[in-house]
Each structure stands twice: as C-alpha cells, then as structure tokens.
C-alpha cells in the first residue's frame, strides 16, 4: 500500500512540476519533461508491458493538463517499451550516466513522435491529406530545437527523479 502511495505521489509531483519554470531549470525556454523522466525511471526495472501501461497512464494525465492533440500517450508508451527492452537486453547499467543517456534518447524520440503527430494533424485539419513540404519543413525545423533542448535539460535533471525512486523501489523489493 505504501509503495503505491509513493509511486502515485511521485507521478503527481512530476505532473505538478511540468508547468513550473524555476530559475536555472530551462534551456531555450524548454523545461525538463518530468513525466518522461518518471516513465524511464519506472520502466528500467520492469517489463515492456508494464512500461507501456505506465506510459499510457502518464501520457493521458499529461494530455489532460494540455491539449489532447497531439497526444503524449503514444510517445510515452513507446518510451516505456523501449526503456524496458534496453534494460532487458542488458545494453545498459543502472547508474546515473546510463539513465541520463536513456532519458536523452527517449526525450528526442518522444519529441519526434510529437512532431510526426503535429505534421499529420495539420495536414488533416487543412482539408488536405497531403500536406505541403514547406509545412512539414517548418514543423520539423521547429521540433529539432525543441527535441535537442528537451533532451539536454531532461537528461540533466533525470537523476533528481531516478535516484530517490530507484532507492525506494529497491527498498520495497527487498
């Protein structure tokens, strides 16, 4: 019971941190993606299915705070699956550097998923199902900057979320 309380509280804390812009926490106007960091921290020691479920739940929570289009659910589910698969195949260890690198890659992946959804969505609402190349170019150019800034900032702040949660989950497992 206490484990679930701490886990749910940590998700809610990350959810509350999303709109906050504290000094020194931003890079090019982009703040850390706290929920993505949480999904990576959760998925490292779990199965791909558990990572996907956590990603879907956290994605729906973030969509509830922001706009449902583009959805964060798909990207967070993919992040949960990919992180669990990386650990299962022993491509990584559980140290801060590995976690920061995983968060960096997963943040970039999540932003690419968002850019793809925006590209498809903008084509659909314009009445054309074939969007212009310039529209895609603008979206992808903009999201390259967002992806890089989000990946850097999120990976730098990843140990702040990962370390206490990892210690707690390890304590509950023992």
Foldseek 3Di string as FASTA:
>chain_A
DVLVVVLVVLLVVLVVCLVDDDPPQFDPNAGENSLLLSLLLVLQPDALVVSLVSLQVSQVSVCVVPPPVPTLSVLSSVLSNVSNVCNVVVVDDPDLVRSLVSLLVSLLSSLVVNLVRVLQVVCVVVVHNDDDPVSSVVSVVVSVVVSNRNSNSNSVCSCVSNVVSVVVVVVVVD
